Amino acid sequence: MGAESYIKLAMRQEKIVRVPIEDSIDLHTFRPGEVKDLLKDYLEAASRKGFAEVRIIHGKGTGVLRQVVRSVLEKHPLVISFGDGDERSGGWGATVARIKAKRK
């Protein structure tokens, strides 16, 4: 995969984490404070790759990650709509967002 197929996230003592750009992203390993910038970068990269819909897995837990995800989605200019995943895609433990695809 080329450089555009990944986003990099500097976190935890400057460690670089490469996140592949696919139609879903699992946020379980990230802290709530890391999610906002990661998700913005992910949405931009997913849009560039031509995805019209993405699944953001935040888990059910306490709901903190879900709140952060939805806060970002509400304000992001590429997001058309979003809601809970269906039962096969994680139910309320995942958010599915329709985004504007802007292929090169």
Foldseek 3Di string as FASTA:
>chain_A
DDPLQWDWFQDDVRDIDTDGQDQEDECCVDDLVRCLVVVLSNQVSNLQVFDQKHKYAQADPPCSNVVSVVVNLVPDPFWPDKDADPPVRHGNRMMMTGGHRDYD
